[in-house]
Amino acid sequence: MAAIGWIEVSDVYCKGCELCVTACPQAVISLDMERLTHKGFHPAKIVKEGCTGCAICAVVCPDSAITVYREIIKAS
């Protein structure tokens, strides 16, 4: 069974600290340099496929700005 994951990052809480970026074992998270939050930070986002929903990013986030979703896909 394979896992597919994705994240939602809250613009209200994300301060662009990059802890999630460095902690991601799949290296699929980066800061969105084309956007700014209302507080003036570049928020994190998934930039390529490969997220497994491991939730390490959410665990290391000091502001609880990341919600992780995970779907298990059964092989047929």
PDB file of N, CA and C in Angstrom:
ATOM      1  N   MET A   1       0.839  -1.183   0.000  1.00  0.00           N
ATOM      2  CA  MET A   1       0.000   0.000   0.000  1.00  0.00           C
ATOM      3  C   MET A   1       0.880   1.242   0.000  1.00  0.00           C
ATOM      4  N   ALA A   2       0.525   2.167  -0.826  1.00  0.00           N
ATOM      5  CA  ALA A   2       1.252   3.427  -0.917  1.00  0.00           C
ATOM      6  C   ALA A   2       0.456   4.526  -0.232  1.00  0.00           C
ATOM      7  N   ALA A   3       1.161   5.511   0.262  1.00  0.00           N
ATOM      8  CA  ALA A   3       0.511   6.654   0.915  1.00  0.00           C
ATOM      9  C   ALA A   3       0.754   7.909   0.094  1.00  0.00           C
ATOM     10  N   ILE A   4      -0.304   8.654  -0.088  1.00  0.00           N
ATOM     11  CA  ILE A   4      -0.217   9.954  -0.747  1.00  0.00           C
ATOM     12  C   ILE A   4      -0.646  10.986   0.273  1.00  0.00           C
ATOM     13  N   GLY A   5       0.132  12.040   0.404  1.00  0.00           N
ATOM     14  CA  GLY A   5      -0.199  13.068   1.371  1.00  0.00           C
ATOM     15  C   GLY A   5      -0.188  14.449   0.758  1.00  0.00           C
ATOM     16  N   TRP A   6      -0.736  15.377   1.497  1.00  0.00           N
ATOM     17  CA  TRP A   6      -0.688  16.784   1.112  1.00  0.00           C
ATOM     18  C   TRP A   6      -0.852  17.607   2.377  1.00  0.00           C
ATOM     19  N   ILE A   7      -0.480  18.856   2.284  1.00  0.00           N
ATOM     20  CA  ILE A   7      -0.562  19.735   3.453  1.00  0.00           C
ATOM     21  C   ILE A   7      -1.342  21.001   3.107  1.00  0.00           C
ATOM     22  N   GLU A   8      -1.896  21.590   4.147  1.00  0.00           N
ATOM     23  CA  GLU A   8      -2.458  22.940   4.056  1.00  0.00           C
ATOM     24  C   GLU A   8      -1.703  23.780   5.068  1.00  0.00           C
ATOM     25  N   VAL A   9      -1.246  24.928   4.631  1.00  0.00           N
ATOM     26  CA  VAL A   9      -0.484  25.825   5.491  1.00  0.00           C
ATOM     27  C   VAL A   9      -1.320  27.073   5.753  1.00  0.00           C
ATOM     28  N   SER A  10      -1.498  27.402   7.015  1.00  0.00           N
ATOM     29  CA  SER A  10      -2.282  28.569   7.407  1.00  0.00           C
ATOM     30  C   SER A  10      -1.459  29.843   7.224  1.00  0.00           C
ATOM     31  N   ASP A  11      -1.957  30.753   6.389  1.00  0.00           N
ATOM     32  CA  ASP A  11      -1.296  32.044   6.216  1.00  0.00           C
ATOM     33  C   ASP A  11      -1.330  32.876   7.494  1.00  0.00           C
ATOM     34  N   VAL A  12      -2.264  32.594   8.351  1.00  0.00           N
ATOM     35  CA  VAL A  12      -2.379  33.343   9.603  1.00  0.00           C
ATOM     36  C   VAL A  12      -1.228  33.006  10.546  1.00  0.00           C
ATOM     37  N   TYR A  13      -0.805  31.742  10.568  1.00  0.00           N
ATOM     38  CA  TYR A  13       0.201  31.302  11.528  1.00  0.00           C
ATOM     39  C   TYR A  13       1.599  31.095  10.965  1.00  0.00           C
ATOM     40  N   CYS A  14       1.732  30.782   9.679  1.00  0.00           N
ATOM     41  CA  CYS A  14       3.054  30.505   9.102  1.00  0.00           C
ATOM     42  C   CYS A  14       3.893  31.774   9.076  1.00  0.00           C
ATOM     43  N   LYS A  15       5.119  31.656   9.605  1.00  0.00           N
ATOM     44  CA  LYS A  15       6.030  32.802   9.612  1.00  0.00           C
ATOM     45  C   LYS A  15       7.269  32.552   8.759  1.00  0.00           C
ATOM     46  N   GLY A  16       7.218  31.521   7.929  1.00  0.00           N
ATOM     47  CA  GLY A  16       8.309  31.266   6.992  1.00  0.00           C
ATOM     48  C   GLY A  16       9.620  30.887   7.647  1.00  0.00           C
ATOM     49  N   CYS A  17       9.570  30.172   8.755  1.00  0.00           N
ATOM     50  CA  CYS A  17      10.792  29.832   9.497  1.00  0.00           C
ATOM     51  C   CYS A  17      11.611  28.729   8.829  1.00  0.00           C
ATOM     52  N   GLU A  18      11.030  27.999   7.897  1.00  0.00           N
ATOM     53  CA  GLU A  18      11.671  26.932   7.127  1.00  0.00           C
ATOM     54  C   GLU A  18      11.993  25.671   7.917  1.00  0.00           C
ATOM     55  N   LEU A  19      11.505  25.534   9.136  1.00  0.00           N
ATOM     56  CA  LEU A  19      11.742  24.296   9.877  1.00  0.00           C
ATOM     57  C   LEU A  19      11.105  23.105   9.162  1.00  0.00           C
ATOM     58  N   CYS A  20       9.933  23.308   8.597  1.00  0.00           N
ATOM     59  CA  CYS A  20       9.262  22.231   7.854  1.00  0.00           C
ATOM     60  C   CYS A  20      10.044  21.866   6.600  1.00  0.00           C
ATOM     61  N   VAL A  21      10.637  22.857   5.958  1.00  0.00           N
ATOM     62  CA  VAL A  21      11.403  22.624   4.730  1.00  0.00           C
ATOM     63  C   VAL A  21      12.589  21.708   5.018  1.00  0.00           C
ATOM     64  N   THR A  22      13.324  22.000   6.078  1.00  0.00           N
ATOM     65  CA  THR A  22      14.508  21.200   6.398  1.00  0.00           C
ATOM     66  C   THR A  22      14.148  19.845   6.999  1.00  0.00           C
ATOM     67  N   ALA A  23      12.982  19.728   7.620  1.00  0.00           N
ATOM     68  CA  ALA A  23      12.586  18.472   8.257  1.00  0.00           C
ATOM     69  C   ALA A  23      11.936  17.485   7.299  1.00  0.00           C
ATOM     70  N   CYS A  24      11.466  17.926   6.166  1.00  0.00           N
ATOM     71  CA  CYS A  24      10.736  17.059   5.236  1.00  0.00           C
ATOM     72  C   CYS A  24      11.660  15.993   4.635  1.00  0.00           C
ATOM     73  N   PRO A  25      11.417  14.709   4.965  1.00  0.00           N
ATOM     74  CA  PRO A  25      12.298  13.657   4.437  1.00  0.00           C
ATOM     75  C   PRO A  25      12.166  13.453   2.923  1.00  0.00           C
ATOM     76  N   GLN A  26      11.057  13.866   2.345  1.00  0.00           N
ATOM     77  CA  GLN A  26      10.861  13.737   0.900  1.00  0.00           C
ATOM     78  C   GLN A  26      11.320  14.984   0.140  1.00  0.00           C
ATOM     79  N   ALA A  27      11.686  16.031   0.842  1.00  0.00           N
ATOM     80  CA  ALA A  27      12.159  17.291   0.247  1.00  0.00           C
ATOM     81  C   ALA A  27      11.160  17.851  -0.761  1.00  0.00           C
ATOM     82  N   VAL A  28       9.887  17.908  -0.361  1.00  0.00           N
ATOM     83  CA  VAL A  28       8.849  18.406  -1.261  1.00  0.00           C
ATOM     84  C   VAL A  28       8.261  19.747  -0.812  1.00  0.00           C
ATOM     85  N   ILE A  29       8.757  20.306   0.289  1.00  0.00           N
ATOM     86  CA  ILE A  29       8.238  21.570   0.808  1.00  0.00           C
ATOM     87  C   ILE A  29       9.268  22.670   0.579  1.00  0.00           C
ATOM     88  N   SER A  30       8.782  23.837   0.205  1.00  0.00           N
ATOM     89  CA  SER A  30       9.630  25.010   0.025  1.00  0.00           C
ATOM     90  C   SER A  30       8.816  26.238   0.394  1.00  0.00           C
ATOM     91  N   LEU A  31       9.488  27.352   0.552  1.00  0.00           N
ATOM     92  CA  LEU A  31       8.761  28.595   0.779  1.00  0.00           C
ATOM     93  C   LEU A  31       8.259  29.126  -0.547  1.00  0.00           C
ATOM     94  N   ASP A  32       7.064  29.682  -0.530  1.00  0.00           N
ATOM     95  CA  ASP A  32       6.458  30.257  -1.728  1.00  0.00           C
ATOM     96  C   ASP A  32       6.968  31.690  -1.880  1.00  0.00           C
ATOM     97  N   MET A  33       8.002  31.855  -2.671  1.00  0.00           N
ATOM     98  CA  MET A  33       8.645  33.156  -2.825  1.00  0.00           C
ATOM     99  C   MET A  33       7.829  34.123  -3.682  1.00  0.00           C
ATOM    100  N   GLU A  34       6.721  33.666  -4.236  1.00  0.00           N
ATOM    101  CA  GLU A  34       5.867  34.526  -5.045  1.00  0.00           C
ATOM    102  C   GLU A  34       4.697  35.093  -4.256  1.00  0.00           C
ATOM    103  N   ARG A  35       4.551  34.667  -2.987  1.00  0.00           N
ATOM    104  CA  ARG A  35       3.437  35.133  -2.163  1.00  0.00           C
ATOM    105  C   ARG A  35       3.939  35.632  -0.822  1.00  0.00           C
ATOM    106  N   LEU A  36       3.196  36.553  -0.258  1.00  0.00           N
ATOM    107  CA  LEU A  36       3.439  37.021   1.105  1.00  0.00           C
ATOM    108  C   LEU A  36       2.148  36.892   1.895  1.00  0.00           C
ATOM    109  N   THR A  37       2.266  36.512   3.159  1.00  0.00           N
ATOM    110  CA  THR A  37       1.100  36.500   4.027  1.00  0.00           C
ATOM    111  C   THR A  37       0.799  37.934   4.432  1.00  0.00           C
ATOM    112  N   HIS A  38      -0.323  38.134   5.110  1.00  0.00           N
ATOM    113  CA  HIS A  38      -0.666  39.491   5.541  1.00  0.00           C
ATOM    114  C   HIS A  38       0.332  40.034   6.572  1.00  0.00           C
ATOM    115  N   LYS A  39       1.136  39.137   7.158  1.00  0.00           N
ATOM    116  CA  LYS A  39       2.177  39.568   8.102  1.00  0.00           C
ATOM    117  C   LYS A  39       3.523  39.802   7.413  1.00  0.00           C
ATOM    118  N   GLY A  40       3.583  39.532   6.112  1.00  0.00           N
ATOM    119  CA  GLY A  40       4.797  39.785   5.348  1.00  0.00           C
ATOM    120  C   GLY A  40       5.766  38.623   5.247  1.00  0.00           C
ATOM    121  N   PHE A  41       5.314  37.389   5.495  1.00  0.00           N
ATOM    122  CA  PHE A  41       6.164  36.209   5.418  1.00  0.00           C
ATOM    123  C   PHE A  41       5.855  35.409   4.157  1.00  0.00           C
ATOM    124  N   HIS A  42       6.868  34.716   3.650  1.00  0.00           N
ATOM    125  CA  HIS A  42       6.662  33.773   2.557  1.00  0.00           C
ATOM    126  C   HIS A  42       6.209  32.453   3.184  1.00  0.00           C
ATOM    127  N   PRO A  43       5.002  31.982   2.889  1.00  0.00           N
ATOM    128  CA  PRO A  43       4.509  30.744   3.509  1.00  0.00           C
ATOM    129  C   PRO A  43       5.086  29.494   2.844  1.00  0.00           C
ATOM    130  N   ALA A  44       5.047  28.404   3.572  1.00  0.00           N
ATOM    131  CA  ALA A  44       5.499  27.118   3.042  1.00  0.00           C
ATOM    132  C   ALA A  44       4.436  26.550   2.111  1.00  0.00           C
ATOM    133  N   LYS A  45       4.872  25.684   1.199  1.00  0.00           N
ATOM    134  CA  LYS A  45       3.942  24.985   0.311  1.00  0.00           C
ATOM    135  C   LYS A  45       4.637  23.759  -0.261  1.00  0.00           C
ATOM    136  N   ILE A  46       3.850  22.821  -0.753  1.00  0.00           N
ATOM    137  CA  ILE A  46       4.405  21.667  -1.451  1.00  0.00           C
ATOM    138  C   ILE A  46       4.751  22.112  -2.862  1.00  0.00           C
ATOM    139  N   VAL A  47       5.975  21.788  -3.294  1.00  0.00           N
ATOM    140  CA  VAL A  47       6.422  22.242  -4.601  1.00  0.00           C
ATOM    141  C   VAL A  47       6.574  21.123  -5.625  1.00  0.00           C
ATOM    142  N   LYS A  48       6.466  19.868  -5.160  1.00  0.00           N
ATOM    143  CA  LYS A  48       6.526  18.753  -6.110  1.00  0.00           C
ATOM    144  C   LYS A  48       5.842  17.544  -5.497  1.00  0.00           C
ATOM    145  N   GLU A  49       5.578  16.550  -6.320  1.00  0.00           N
ATOM    146  CA  GLU A  49       4.927  15.336  -5.850  1.00  0.00           C
ATOM    147  C   GLU A  49       5.874  14.533  -4.970  1.00  0.00           C
ATOM    148  N   GLY A  50       5.296  13.703  -4.122  1.00  0.00           N
ATOM    149  CA  GLY A  50       6.116  12.835  -3.301  1.00  0.00           C
ATOM    150  C   GLY A  50       5.784  12.880  -1.821  1.00  0.00           C
ATOM    151  N   CYS A  51       4.878  13.768  -1.429  1.00  0.00           N
ATOM    152  CA  CYS A  51       4.475  13.843  -0.023  1.00  0.00           C
ATOM    153  C   CYS A  51       3.769  12.546   0.359  1.00  0.00           C
ATOM    154  N   THR A  52       4.173  11.968   1.494  1.00  0.00           N
ATOM    155  CA  THR A  52       3.561  10.730   1.977  1.00  0.00           C
ATOM    156  C   THR A  52       2.637  10.978   3.161  1.00  0.00           C
ATOM    157  N   GLY A  53       2.545  12.219   3.606  1.00  0.00           N
ATOM    158  CA  GLY A  53       1.707  12.529   4.756  1.00  0.00           C
ATOM    159  C   GLY A  53       2.321  12.070   6.066  1.00  0.00           C
ATOM    160  N   CYS A  54       3.631  12.052   6.146  1.00  0.00           N
ATOM    161  CA  CYS A  54       4.313  11.563   7.350  1.00  0.00           C
ATOM    162  C   CYS A  54       4.096  12.470   8.561  1.00  0.00           C
ATOM    163  N   ALA A  55       3.771  13.733   8.325  1.00  0.00           N
ATOM    164  CA  ALA A  55       3.436  14.731   9.345  1.00  0.00           C
ATOM    165  C   ALA A  55       4.628  15.243  10.139  1.00  0.00           C
ATOM    166  N   ILE A  56       5.835  14.964   9.704  1.00  0.00           N
ATOM    167  CA  ILE A  56       7.000  15.513  10.396  1.00  0.00           C
ATOM    168  C   ILE A  56       6.986  17.034  10.333  1.00  0.00           C
ATOM    169  N   CYS A  57       6.552  17.578   9.212  1.00  0.00           N
ATOM    170  CA  CYS A  57       6.484  19.037   9.061  1.00  0.00           C
ATOM    171  C   CYS A  57       5.563  19.658  10.117  1.00  0.00           C
ATOM    172  N   ALA A  58       4.437  19.018  10.340  1.00  0.00           N
ATOM    173  CA  ALA A  58       3.478  19.538  11.324  1.00  0.00           C
ATOM    174  C   ALA A  58       4.015  19.422  12.739  1.00  0.00           C
ATOM    175  N   VAL A  59       4.764  18.375  13.016  1.00  0.00           N
ATOM    176  CA  VAL A  59       5.325  18.176  14.358  1.00  0.00           C
ATOM    177  C   VAL A  59       6.370  19.240  14.678  1.00  0.00           C
ATOM    178  N   VAL A  60       7.213  19.592  13.698  1.00  0.00           N
ATOM    179  CA  VAL A  60       8.283  20.561  13.964  1.00  0.00           C
ATOM    180  C   VAL A  60       7.818  22.013  13.866  1.00  0.00           C
ATOM    181  N   CYS A  61       6.640  22.252  13.310  1.00  0.00           N
ATOM    182  CA  CYS A  61       6.150  23.629  13.154  1.00  0.00           C
ATOM    183  C   CYS A  61       5.862  24.243  14.520  1.00  0.00           C
ATOM    184  N   PRO A  62       6.570  25.297  14.897  1.00  0.00           N
ATOM    185  CA  PRO A  62       6.376  25.884  16.227  1.00  0.00           C
ATOM    186  C   PRO A  62       5.052  26.633  16.382  1.00  0.00           C
ATOM    187  N   ASP A  63       4.387  26.916  15.268  1.00  0.00           N
ATOM    188  CA  ASP A  63       3.151  27.694  15.321  1.00  0.00           C
ATOM    189  C   ASP A  63       1.917  26.899  14.933  1.00  0.00           C
ATOM    190  N   SER A  64       2.056  25.597  14.777  1.00  0.00           N
ATOM    191  CA  SER A  64       0.938  24.721  14.378  1.00  0.00           C
ATOM    192  C   SER A  64       0.227  25.244  13.130  1.00  0.00           C
ATOM    193  N   ALA A  65       1.018  25.664  12.153  1.00  0.00           N
ATOM    194  CA  ALA A  65       0.468  26.252  10.932  1.00  0.00           C
ATOM    195  C   ALA A  65       0.160  25.222   9.860  1.00  0.00           C
ATOM    196  N   ILE A  66       0.549  23.953  10.071  1.00  0.00           N
ATOM    197  CA  ILE A  66       0.432  22.942   9.026  1.00  0.00           C
ATOM    198  C   ILE A  66      -0.577  21.869   9.413  1.00  0.00           C
ATOM    199  N   THR A  67      -1.501  21.613   8.501  1.00  0.00           N
ATOM    200  CA  THR A  67      -2.425  20.496   8.636  1.00  0.00           C
ATOM    201  C   THR A  67      -2.046  19.473   7.571  1.00  0.00           C
ATOM    202  N   VAL A  68      -1.891  18.220   7.981  1.00  0.00           N
ATOM    203  CA  VAL A  68      -1.452  17.160   7.076  1.00  0.00           C
ATOM    204  C   VAL A  68      -2.618  16.231   6.773  1.00  0.00           C
ATOM    205  N   TYR A  69      -2.725  15.850   5.522  1.00  0.00           N
ATOM    206  CA  TYR A  69      -3.734  14.893   5.083  1.00  0.00           C
ATOM    207  C   TYR A  69      -3.011  13.709   4.455  1.00  0.00           C
ATOM    208  N   ARG A  70      -3.551  12.514   4.681  1.00  0.00           N
ATOM    209  CA  ARG A  70      -2.911  11.304   4.163  1.00  0.00           C
ATOM    210  C   ARG A  70      -3.965  10.343   3.657  1.00  0.00           C
ATOM    211  N   GLU A  71      -3.702   9.767   2.498  1.00  0.00           N
ATOM    212  CA  GLU A  71      -4.604   8.791   1.904  1.00  0.00           C
ATOM    213  C   GLU A  71      -3.802   7.540   1.564  1.00  0.00           C
ATOM    214  N   ILE A  72      -4.285   6.404   2.006  1.00  0.00           N
ATOM    215  CA  ILE A  72      -3.650   5.128   1.699  1.00  0.00           C
ATOM    216  C   ILE A  72      -4.291   4.560   0.431  1.00  0.00           C
ATOM    217  N   ILE A  73      -3.455   4.236  -0.526  1.00  0.00           N
ATOM    218  CA  ILE A  73      -3.927   3.698  -1.792  1.00  0.00           C
ATOM    219  C   ILE A  73      -3.566   2.218  -1.843  1.00  0.00           C
ATOM    220  N   LYS A  74      -4.585   1.400  -1.938  1.00  0.00           N
ATOM    221  CA  LYS A  74      -4.369  -0.040  -1.988  1.00  0.00           C
ATOM    222  C   LYS A  74      -4.034  -0.464  -3.409  1.00  0.00           C
ATOM    223  N   ALA A  75      -3.029  -1.316  -3.511  1.00  0.00           N
ATOM    224  CA  ALA A  75      -2.646  -1.835  -4.819  1.00  0.00           C
ATOM    225  C   ALA A  75      -3.725  -2.804  -5.304  1.00  0.00           C
ATOM    226  N   SER A  76      -4.030  -2.725  -6.588  1.00  0.00           N
ATOM    227  CA  SER A  76      -5.059  -3.624  -7.123  1.00  0.00           C
ATOM    228  C   SER A  76      -4.495  -4.632  -8.068  1.00  0.00           C
TER     229      SER A  76
END
